[in-house]
Amino acid sequence: MSQLTLDHWWQPFTNVRAFRGNPRLITRGEGCFLYTPDGREILDITAGLWCANLGHGRREVADAVRHQLLELDFAPPFQFGAPVTFEFAAKLAEYAPPGLDRIFFTNSGSESVETAMKIAYAWQRARGKGTKTRFVSRERGYHGVNVGGTSLQGIPNNRKGFPVLDNVDFLPDLLDISANAFSRGLPERGADQLNPLEKIIALRGAENLCAVIVEPIVGAGGMVPPPVGYLQRLRELCTQHDILLIFDEVVTGFGRTGAAFAATRLEVTPDLMTTAKAINGGSVPMGGVFVRRDIQETIFEAAPGSGPELFHGNTYAGAPVAAAAGLAAFEIYEREGLLTRAAGPIGRYWEDALHSLRDLPQVIDIRNYGLLGAVTLAPDPAKFPGGVGVPVHNRCWENGLLCRAVGDNLVMSPPLVIAEREVDLFIERLRRSILDVFGA
């Protein structure tokens, strides 16, 4: 590793100058652990980036990828298709929320959001409602990095300085520590934060609104579950005013909440649903948009028969290798009961363990749902002007823990295979890291 050159890869969402001065390198993964070049063990409490839900180093997935590479490494998705991709789409449809059994494959969550926006536009035009072009998103929401997704961004640093569409309105942020501190599961208060949607509808006119897009549980913005009744009311308003509802389930999909999708666990069915990350255990880049069947049918019926019904796609959409990884991943999801595991005893153990940090005076909030969690630390602008999360994140790494920082928040999403002893180790290392940074 002493000969490794760090200059040429411009890493995403990284303080590259700081990284070059103190590189954090990972060379191997197994189960819930990652390993550094010198063999140091790091507990991965973020499942990579919310994607390695199966844990690391799954041989069945690796074997499936190897076999597929040797059998058929690539098949063009424009006007052609590989059987393995159709098989994987059918498997995903088995777990889809009611009616959302048409899947448009992508390579990432960003592409899924962009694709969902285009499908929403196409459907509105196909049914003769071309004035419905505006979107509603939410503060603190994360929807990828393409121009459409950047326009929907509710995280200021991910939006400012870039070109954005001007046809987006925003609902208020749902994080209210003063009202809901240390909530377990869905917070009781805050459903009235949806009231501004009615004002937006009145101001813009329902005839001009295409879709509302939200993460059912906020991920990158700090892991914020919705208040009780919020999503149900959102569904009612969208139906009442003929507005599409899009759930961004890139983070919450594939077992993270204790069901295949948060839509299933929370019993609210959207019209479109964006996915990626854990779709195949995070092993090969892949995403997908789940589309309500009648939306596809309407677009098909309005299109001429001489060409594509939707002029959209990408080279690697539904790539055979990614689909093969997905089928192998689902064999594991099903065999080990991982899609529902977070709703069982391990989810309750995780909740209790996370909330055991409440005694730390530096901790001002803890949130959890399924195998998701967040800890908010008391801000100290004088000592940590960029937020206290990053210093604690850095100390976690030194103490053998991979965590994720968002401002003054630490966000967690362990592999779905995590055991109680590993949860205990996580709490031990996080507690030590917080105390190290705050000097207690």
Protein backbone atom coordinates (compact mmCIF):
# COMPACT_ATOMS: atom_id res chain seq x y z
CA MET A 1 0.00 0.00 0.00
CA SER A 2 2.99 2.32 0.39
CA GLN A 3 3.14 2.61 -3.41
CA LEU A 4 -0.56 3.46 -3.78
CA THR A 5 -1.25 6.76 -5.56
CA LEU A 6 -4.26 8.67 -4.24
CA ASP A 7 -4.22 11.56 -6.74
CA HIS A 8 -6.26 10.20 -9.63
CA TRP A 9 -9.61 9.09 -8.17
CA TRP A 10 -11.85 12.07 -7.36
CA GLN A 11 -14.00 10.48 -4.66
CA PRO A 12 -17.70 11.39 -4.35
CA PHE A 13 -19.01 13.32 -1.33
CA THR A 14 -15.49 13.32 0.12
CA ASN A 15 -13.16 15.94 1.54
CA VAL A 16 -10.47 14.65 -0.80
CA ARG A 17 -7.72 16.93 0.53
CA ALA A 18 -8.29 15.69 4.07
CA PHE A 19 -8.54 12.07 2.89
CA ARG A 20 -5.18 12.23 1.15
CA GLY A 21 -3.63 13.37 4.41
CA ASN A 22 -5.22 10.53 6.40
CA PRO A 23 -6.55 7.86 4.04
CA ARG A 24 -9.10 5.39 5.37
CA LEU A 25 -8.58 2.32 3.20
CA ILE A 26 -10.63 -0.88 3.21
CA THR A 27 -9.33 -4.05 1.57
CA ARG A 28 -11.66 -6.85 2.69
CA GLY A 29 -15.14 -7.49 4.06
CA GLU A 30 -16.77 -10.42 5.81
CA GLY A 31 -20.15 -10.49 7.51
CA CYS A 32 -20.62 -7.27 9.46
CA PHE A 33 -16.93 -6.40 9.44
CA LEU A 34 -14.51 -4.60 7.15
CA TYR A 35 -10.73 -4.84 7.33
CA THR A 36 -7.97 -2.30 6.72
CA PRO A 37 -4.71 -3.03 4.86
CA ASP A 38 -2.98 -3.68 8.20
CA GLY A 39 -5.70 -6.14 9.24
CA ARG A 40 -7.56 -3.90 11.66
CA GLU A 41 -11.22 -4.92 12.18
CA ILE A 42 -13.92 -2.30 11.53
CA LEU A 43 -17.55 -2.97 12.48
CA ASP A 44 -19.68 -1.75 9.55
CA ILE A 45 -22.77 -0.24 11.15
CA THR A 46 -23.92 1.40 7.88
CA ALA A 47 -24.03 -1.69 5.63
CA GLY A 48 -21.62 0.11 3.34
CA LEU A 49 -23.95 2.91 2.26
CA TRP A 50 -27.31 1.35 3.23
CA CYS A 51 -26.68 -1.30 0.60
CA ALA A 52 -24.81 -4.34 1.97
CA ASN A 53 -27.92 -5.74 3.66
CA LEU A 54 -26.69 -9.32 3.32
CA GLY A 55 -23.40 -8.50 5.01
CA HIS A 56 -20.10 -8.67 3.16
CA GLY A 57 -18.49 -11.53 1.26
CA ARG A 58 -21.51 -13.65 0.31
CA ARG A 59 -20.10 -16.53 -1.73
CA GLU A 60 -23.46 -17.42 -3.33
CA VAL A 61 -23.67 -13.96 -4.88
CA ALA A 62 -20.04 -14.06 -6.01
CA ASP A 63 -20.56 -17.47 -7.59
CA ALA A 64 -23.70 -16.26 -9.40
CA VAL A 65 -21.83 -13.23 -10.74
CA ARG A 66 -18.91 -15.36 -11.91
CA HIS A 67 -21.21 -17.84 -13.66
CA GLN A 68 -23.15 -15.07 -15.36
CA LEU A 69 -19.99 -13.29 -16.53
CA LEU A 70 -18.83 -16.47 -18.22
CA GLU A 71 -22.27 -17.37 -19.60
CA LEU A 72 -23.39 -13.92 -20.81
CA ASP A 73 -21.53 -10.85 -19.60
CA PHE A 74 -23.68 -8.29 -21.41
CA ALA A 75 -26.82 -8.12 -23.53
CA PRO A 76 -28.07 -4.83 -25.02
CA PRO A 77 -31.28 -3.77 -23.28
CA PHE A 78 -32.48 -1.63 -26.21
CA GLN A 79 -34.74 -3.94 -28.27
CA PHE A 80 -33.18 -7.07 -26.74
CA GLY A 81 -33.14 -8.78 -23.35
CA ALA A 82 -31.54 -11.52 -21.31
CA PRO A 83 -33.76 -14.14 -19.65
CA VAL A 84 -32.06 -13.60 -16.29
CA THR A 85 -33.24 -9.98 -16.23
CA PHE A 86 -36.86 -10.96 -16.86
CA GLU A 87 -36.53 -13.60 -14.13
CA PHE A 88 -35.28 -11.01 -11.65
CA ALA A 89 -38.05 -8.56 -12.55
CA ALA A 90 -40.59 -11.31 -11.87
CA LYS A 91 -38.98 -12.06 -8.51
CA LEU A 92 -39.13 -8.37 -7.53
CA ALA A 93 -42.79 -8.21 -8.61
CA GLU A 94 -43.57 -10.93 -6.03
CA TYR A 95 -42.65 -8.47 -3.27
CA ALA A 96 -43.99 -5.28 -4.83
CA PRO A 97 -46.70 -3.26 -3.07
CA PRO A 98 -50.14 -3.96 -4.58
CA GLY A 99 -50.24 -3.09 -8.28
CA LEU A 100 -46.63 -1.87 -8.58
CA ASP A 101 -45.41 -4.89 -10.52
CA ARG A 102 -43.82 -3.19 -13.54
CA ILE A 103 -40.08 -2.59 -13.03
CA PHE A 104 -37.86 -0.25 -15.04
CA PHE A 105 -34.22 -1.09 -14.23
CA THR A 106 -31.54 1.54 -13.63
CA ASN A 107 -28.01 1.57 -12.20
CA SER A 108 -28.44 3.73 -9.09
CA GLY A 109 -30.87 5.58 -6.89
CA SER A 110 -30.12 8.81 -8.73
CA GLU A 111 -31.10 7.22 -12.03
CA SER A 112 -34.19 5.72 -10.43
CA VAL A 113 -35.40 9.13 -9.30
CA GLU A 114 -34.75 10.65 -12.72
CA THR A 115 -36.58 7.75 -14.35
CA ALA A 116 -39.56 8.09 -12.02
CA MET A 117 -39.81 11.80 -12.82
CA LYS A 118 -39.87 11.06 -16.55
CA ILE A 119 -42.45 8.30 -16.16
CA ALA A 120 -44.61 10.66 -14.10
CA TYR A 121 -44.38 13.33 -16.82
CA ALA A 122 -45.11 10.77 -19.55
CA TRP A 123 -48.19 9.46 -17.75
CA GLN A 124 -49.65 12.91 -17.24
CA ARG A 125 -49.19 13.71 -20.94
CA ALA A 126 -50.50 10.31 -22.03
CA ARG A 127 -53.80 10.94 -20.28
CA GLY A 128 -54.15 14.46 -21.63
CA LYS A 129 -53.02 16.37 -18.52
CA GLY A 130 -49.85 17.98 -19.81
CA THR A 131 -50.16 21.01 -17.51
CA LYS A 132 -49.33 18.78 -14.53
CA THR A 133 -45.58 19.43 -14.50
CA ARG A 134 -44.77 20.58 -10.95
CA PHE A 135 -43.24 18.43 -8.21
CA VAL A 136 -43.41 18.62 -4.44
CA SER A 137 -40.50 17.35 -2.39
CA ARG A 138 -39.52 17.80 1.26
CA GLU A 139 -36.84 19.59 3.23
CA ARG A 140 -34.07 17.27 4.43
CA GLY A 141 -34.95 14.77 1.68
CA TYR A 142 -32.27 13.21 -0.50
CA HIS A 143 -33.13 12.15 -4.05
CA GLY A 144 -29.85 11.66 -5.86
CA VAL A 145 -27.48 13.87 -7.79
CA ASN A 146 -28.77 14.16 -11.37
CA VAL A 147 -30.38 17.45 -12.35
CA GLY A 148 -33.89 16.23 -11.59
CA GLY A 149 -32.89 14.69 -8.27
CA THR A 150 -30.79 17.74 -7.37
CA SER A 151 -33.86 19.90 -8.00
CA LEU A 152 -35.77 17.74 -5.52
CA GLN A 153 -32.99 17.92 -2.93
CA GLY A 154 -34.00 19.08 0.52
CA ILE A 155 -30.39 19.11 1.75
CA PRO A 156 -29.00 22.59 0.97
CA ASN A 157 -25.35 21.65 0.38
CA ASN A 158 -26.38 19.08 -2.23
CA ARG A 159 -28.44 21.65 -4.11
CA LYS A 160 -26.79 25.05 -3.97
CA GLY A 161 -24.39 25.97 -6.73
CA PHE A 162 -25.90 23.58 -9.26
CA PRO A 163 -28.51 24.08 -12.01
CA VAL A 164 -31.97 23.09 -10.79
CA LEU A 165 -35.50 22.99 -12.15
CA ASP A 166 -37.78 25.78 -10.94
CA ASN A 167 -40.95 23.69 -10.78
CA VAL A 168 -40.46 22.24 -7.28
CA ASP A 169 -42.07 23.19 -3.96
CA PHE A 170 -40.99 21.84 -0.59
CA LEU A 171 -42.80 20.48 2.44
CA PRO A 172 -41.34 21.18 5.89
CA ASP A 173 -38.67 19.08 7.55
CA LEU A 174 -40.06 16.40 9.89
CA LEU A 175 -37.27 16.43 12.48
CA ASP A 176 -38.66 18.10 15.61
CA ILE A 177 -36.47 17.22 18.57
CA SER A 178 -38.33 19.56 20.90
CA ALA A 179 -41.55 17.57 20.39
CA ASN A 180 -40.30 14.06 19.65
CA ALA A 181 -36.93 13.57 21.33
CA PHE A 182 -35.98 9.94 22.00
CA SER A 183 -38.95 8.55 20.09
CA ARG A 184 -39.10 4.83 19.45
CA GLY A 185 -40.54 3.92 16.06
CA LEU A 186 -42.91 6.48 14.57
CA PRO A 187 -43.10 9.71 16.61
CA GLU A 188 -46.52 10.65 17.93
CA ARG A 189 -46.43 14.35 17.05
CA GLY A 190 -45.89 16.16 13.77
CA ALA A 191 -48.54 14.95 11.31
CA ASP A 192 -49.64 18.58 10.97
CA GLN A 193 -46.37 19.21 9.11
CA LEU A 194 -48.30 17.98 6.09
CA ASN A 195 -50.71 20.95 6.25
CA PRO A 196 -48.51 23.04 3.92
CA LEU A 197 -49.24 20.59 1.11
CA GLU A 198 -52.84 21.79 1.06
CA LYS A 199 -51.55 25.37 0.75
CA ILE A 200 -49.26 24.37 -2.12
CA ILE A 201 -52.17 22.69 -3.89
CA ALA A 202 -54.31 25.80 -3.42
CA LEU A 203 -51.51 28.13 -4.60
CA ARG A 204 -50.24 26.13 -7.59
CA GLY A 205 -53.51 24.43 -8.55
CA ALA A 206 -53.92 20.65 -8.57
CA GLU A 207 -54.16 20.83 -12.36
CA ASN A 208 -50.46 21.84 -12.40
CA LEU A 209 -49.08 19.32 -9.90
CA CYS A 210 -47.50 16.16 -11.31
CA ALA A 211 -46.22 14.29 -8.25
CA VAL A 212 -45.15 14.40 -4.63
CA ILE A 213 -41.93 12.54 -3.85
CA VAL A 214 -40.80 11.66 -0.32
CA GLU A 215 -38.64 9.14 1.43
CA PRO A 216 -41.06 7.23 3.67
CA ILE A 217 -38.29 7.41 6.26
CA VAL A 218 -35.67 10.11 5.69
CA GLY A 219 -32.25 8.51 5.16
CA ALA A 220 -29.26 10.66 4.24
CA GLY A 221 -30.87 13.71 5.81
CA GLY A 222 -30.58 12.23 9.29
CA MET A 223 -32.84 9.14 9.55
CA VAL A 224 -36.19 10.69 10.45
CA PRO A 225 -39.28 8.45 10.67
CA PRO A 226 -42.62 10.04 9.71
CA PRO A 227 -45.10 10.94 12.46
CA VAL A 228 -48.05 8.63 13.04
CA GLY A 229 -50.69 9.24 10.33
CA TYR A 230 -48.47 11.45 8.15
CA LEU A 231 -48.04 9.08 5.20
CA GLN A 232 -51.68 7.97 5.30
CA ARG A 233 -52.82 11.59 5.05
CA LEU A 234 -50.30 12.21 2.27
CA ARG A 235 -51.77 9.30 0.31
CA GLU A 236 -55.29 10.66 0.83
CA LEU A 237 -54.37 14.15 -0.38
CA CYS A 238 -52.57 12.88 -3.47
CA THR A 239 -55.51 10.66 -4.39
CA GLN A 240 -58.03 13.42 -3.72
CA HIS A 241 -56.21 15.92 -5.94
CA ASP A 242 -55.10 13.50 -8.68
CA ILE A 243 -51.39 13.84 -7.87
CA LEU A 244 -48.95 10.95 -8.18
CA LEU A 245 -47.25 9.78 -4.98
CA ILE A 246 -43.66 8.61 -5.36
CA PHE A 247 -41.85 6.86 -2.52
CA ASP A 248 -38.07 7.02 -2.67
CA GLU A 249 -37.19 3.65 -1.11
CA VAL A 250 -33.54 3.59 -2.13
CA VAL A 251 -32.61 3.41 1.58
CA THR A 252 -35.70 1.78 3.07
CA GLY A 253 -36.15 -1.00 0.53
CA PHE A 254 -35.24 -4.68 0.87
CA GLY A 255 -35.70 -5.45 4.54
CA ARG A 256 -34.44 -2.30 6.18
CA THR A 257 -37.75 -1.59 7.97
CA GLY A 258 -38.81 -5.17 8.66
CA ALA A 259 -40.61 -5.74 5.36
CA ALA A 260 -39.55 -5.85 1.74
CA PHE A 261 -40.45 -2.15 1.51
CA ALA A 262 -41.43 0.60 3.93
CA ALA A 263 -44.61 0.98 1.87
CA THR A 264 -45.54 -2.54 2.91
CA ARG A 265 -44.54 -2.15 6.56
CA LEU A 266 -46.27 1.24 6.92
CA GLU A 267 -49.29 0.14 4.86
CA VAL A 268 -49.25 3.06 2.43
CA THR A 269 -49.06 2.26 -1.28
CA PRO A 270 -47.46 4.83 -3.60
CA ASP A 271 -47.94 5.05 -7.37
CA LEU A 272 -44.24 4.81 -8.18
CA MET A 273 -41.35 3.63 -6.03
CA THR A 274 -37.64 4.19 -6.57
CA THR A 275 -35.13 1.58 -5.40
CA ALA A 276 -31.44 0.68 -5.67
CA LYS A 277 -28.70 -0.06 -3.08
CA ALA A 278 -29.71 -3.40 -1.49
CA ILE A 279 -31.67 -4.62 -4.54
CA ASN A 280 -28.96 -7.27 -5.01
CA GLY A 281 -27.18 -6.93 -1.69
CA GLY A 282 -25.12 -3.98 -2.89
CA SER A 283 -22.80 -6.24 -4.87
CA VAL A 284 -23.25 -4.84 -8.39
CA PRO A 285 -24.61 -1.36 -9.26
CA MET A 286 -28.34 -1.63 -9.92
CA GLY A 287 -31.62 0.17 -9.26
CA GLY A 288 -35.21 -0.04 -10.33
CA VAL A 289 -38.44 1.94 -10.48
CA PHE A 290 -41.57 0.05 -9.47
CA VAL A 291 -44.49 1.36 -11.51
CA ARG A 292 -48.22 0.92 -11.05
CA ARG A 293 -49.44 -1.42 -13.78
CA ASP A 294 -52.13 0.91 -15.13
CA ILE A 295 -49.59 3.76 -15.42
CA GLN A 296 -47.55 1.64 -17.80
CA GLU A 297 -50.67 0.61 -19.70
CA THR A 298 -51.78 4.23 -20.15
CA ILE A 299 -48.36 5.24 -21.51
CA PHE A 300 -48.34 2.23 -23.85
CA GLU A 301 -51.83 2.94 -25.17
CA ALA A 302 -50.97 6.58 -25.95
CA ALA A 303 -47.73 5.76 -27.77
CA PRO A 304 -47.54 4.99 -31.48
CA GLY A 305 -46.75 1.37 -32.25
CA SER A 306 -43.71 2.18 -34.37
CA GLY A 307 -41.18 2.95 -31.62
CA PRO A 308 -40.38 2.89 -27.92
CA GLU A 309 -43.22 3.82 -25.58
CA LEU A 310 -40.73 5.75 -23.42
CA PHE A 311 -37.63 7.33 -24.92
CA HIS A 312 -35.48 6.75 -21.87
CA GLY A 313 -32.94 4.23 -20.62
CA ASN A 314 -29.25 3.48 -20.17
CA THR A 315 -26.68 1.02 -21.42
CA TYR A 316 -26.53 -1.12 -18.30
CA ALA A 317 -30.23 -1.13 -17.40
CA GLY A 318 -31.08 -4.64 -16.24
CA ALA A 319 -27.53 -5.85 -16.86
CA PRO A 320 -27.41 -9.68 -16.75
CA VAL A 321 -24.64 -9.74 -14.13
CA ALA A 322 -26.54 -7.38 -11.82
CA ALA A 323 -29.74 -9.39 -12.29
CA ALA A 324 -27.94 -12.66 -11.53
CA ALA A 325 -26.59 -11.09 -8.35
CA GLY A 326 -30.14 -10.04 -7.52
CA LEU A 327 -31.56 -13.55 -7.89
CA ALA A 328 -28.79 -14.95 -5.70
CA ALA A 329 -29.35 -12.21 -3.14
CA PHE A 330 -33.06 -12.98 -2.98
CA GLU A 331 -32.35 -16.65 -2.39
CA ILE A 332 -30.48 -15.52 0.73
CA TYR A 333 -33.11 -12.94 1.70
CA GLU A 334 -35.76 -15.64 1.55
CA ARG A 335 -33.81 -18.52 3.07
CA GLU A 336 -32.62 -16.51 6.07
CA GLY A 337 -35.80 -14.48 6.53
CA LEU A 338 -33.86 -11.23 6.23
CA LEU A 339 -36.61 -9.14 4.64
CA THR A 340 -38.66 -9.31 7.85
CA ARG A 341 -35.90 -9.81 10.42
CA ALA A 342 -35.77 -6.13 11.45
CA ALA A 343 -39.38 -6.39 12.68
CA GLY A 344 -38.48 -9.22 15.06
CA PRO A 345 -36.33 -9.68 18.17
CA ILE A 346 -33.17 -8.21 16.65
CA GLY A 347 -35.06 -5.00 15.82
CA ARG A 348 -36.20 -4.69 19.42
CA TYR A 349 -32.70 -5.46 20.70
CA TRP A 350 -31.31 -2.81 18.37
CA GLU A 351 -33.85 -0.26 19.64
CA ASP A 352 -33.07 -0.90 23.30
CA ALA A 353 -29.32 -0.85 22.72
CA LEU A 354 -29.46 2.39 20.76
CA HIS A 355 -31.55 4.11 23.42
CA SER A 356 -29.09 3.00 26.11
CA LEU A 357 -26.94 5.93 24.94
CA ARG A 358 -29.54 8.33 26.29
CA ASP A 359 -27.58 8.72 29.54
CA LEU A 360 -24.79 10.57 27.71
CA PRO A 361 -25.27 14.31 28.28
CA GLN A 362 -23.97 15.03 24.78
CA VAL A 363 -26.85 13.06 23.22
CA ILE A 364 -29.98 15.16 22.68
CA ASP A 365 -32.01 12.75 20.54
CA ILE A 366 -32.18 9.11 19.46
CA ARG A 367 -34.45 7.79 16.70
CA ASN A 368 -35.00 4.31 15.33
CA TYR A 369 -37.19 2.23 13.07
CA GLY A 370 -36.51 -1.35 12.01
CA LEU A 371 -32.75 -1.63 11.59
CA LEU A 372 -32.30 2.09 11.13
CA GLY A 373 -31.05 4.46 13.79
CA ALA A 374 -29.80 7.98 14.43
CA VAL A 375 -28.19 9.83 17.31
CA THR A 376 -28.20 13.62 17.44
CA LEU A 377 -25.41 15.26 19.42
CA ALA A 378 -25.50 18.64 21.11
CA PRO A 379 -24.11 21.19 18.65
CA ASP A 380 -20.98 23.11 19.59
CA PRO A 381 -20.44 25.72 16.83
CA ALA A 382 -17.48 27.30 18.58
CA LYS A 383 -15.52 24.05 18.77
CA PHE A 384 -17.06 22.22 15.78
CA PRO A 385 -18.28 24.83 13.25
CA GLY A 386 -19.04 22.14 10.65
CA GLY A 387 -21.03 20.02 13.08
CA VAL A 388 -19.89 17.55 15.68
CA GLY A 389 -20.86 14.52 13.60
CA VAL A 390 -17.70 14.40 11.49
CA PRO A 391 -15.25 14.48 14.43
CA VAL A 392 -17.19 11.66 16.09
CA HIS A 393 -17.34 9.78 12.76
CA ASN A 394 -13.56 10.10 12.45
CA ARG A 395 -13.03 8.92 16.01
CA CYS A 396 -15.36 5.97 15.39
CA TRP A 397 -13.05 4.84 12.60
CA GLU A 398 -10.06 4.98 14.96
CA ASN A 399 -12.07 2.94 17.47
CA GLY A 400 -13.04 0.27 14.94
CA LEU A 401 -16.48 1.45 13.86
CA LEU A 402 -17.74 2.63 10.48
CA CYS A 403 -20.52 5.15 11.12
CA ARG A 404 -22.02 7.96 9.00
CA ALA A 405 -22.16 11.63 9.96
CA VAL A 406 -24.80 14.15 8.85
CA GLY A 407 -24.21 17.52 10.53
CA ASP A 408 -24.67 16.85 14.24
CA ASN A 409 -26.26 13.47 13.54
CA LEU A 410 -24.81 9.98 13.37
CA VAL A 411 -26.83 7.64 11.17
CA MET A 412 -26.83 3.85 11.36
CA SER A 413 -28.14 1.04 9.14
CA PRO A 414 -26.39 -2.24 10.02
CA PRO A 415 -26.39 -5.30 7.80
CA LEU A 416 -29.61 -7.24 8.31
CA VAL A 417 -27.56 -10.21 9.51
CA ILE A 418 -26.23 -8.35 12.56
CA ALA A 419 -26.19 -10.36 15.80
CA GLU A 420 -26.78 -9.16 19.37
CA ARG A 421 -23.08 -9.38 20.25
CA GLU A 422 -22.28 -7.11 17.31
CA VAL A 423 -24.95 -4.63 18.40
CA ASP A 424 -23.30 -4.59 21.83
CA LEU A 425 -19.91 -3.97 20.23
CA PHE A 426 -21.38 -1.10 18.23
CA ILE A 427 -22.75 0.57 21.35
CA GLU A 428 -19.44 0.12 23.18
CA ARG A 429 -17.41 1.67 20.35
CA LEU A 430 -19.84 4.51 19.67
CA ARG A 431 -20.06 5.44 23.35
CA ARG A 432 -16.28 5.49 23.62
CA SER A 433 -15.97 7.63 20.47
CA ILE A 434 -18.49 10.23 21.68
CA LEU A 435 -16.71 10.49 25.02
CA ASP A 436 -13.33 10.77 23.30
CA VAL A 437 -14.46 13.70 21.15
CA PHE A 438 -16.25 15.58 23.90
CA GLY A 439 -13.40 15.01 26.33
CA ALA A 440 -15.52 13.29 28.95
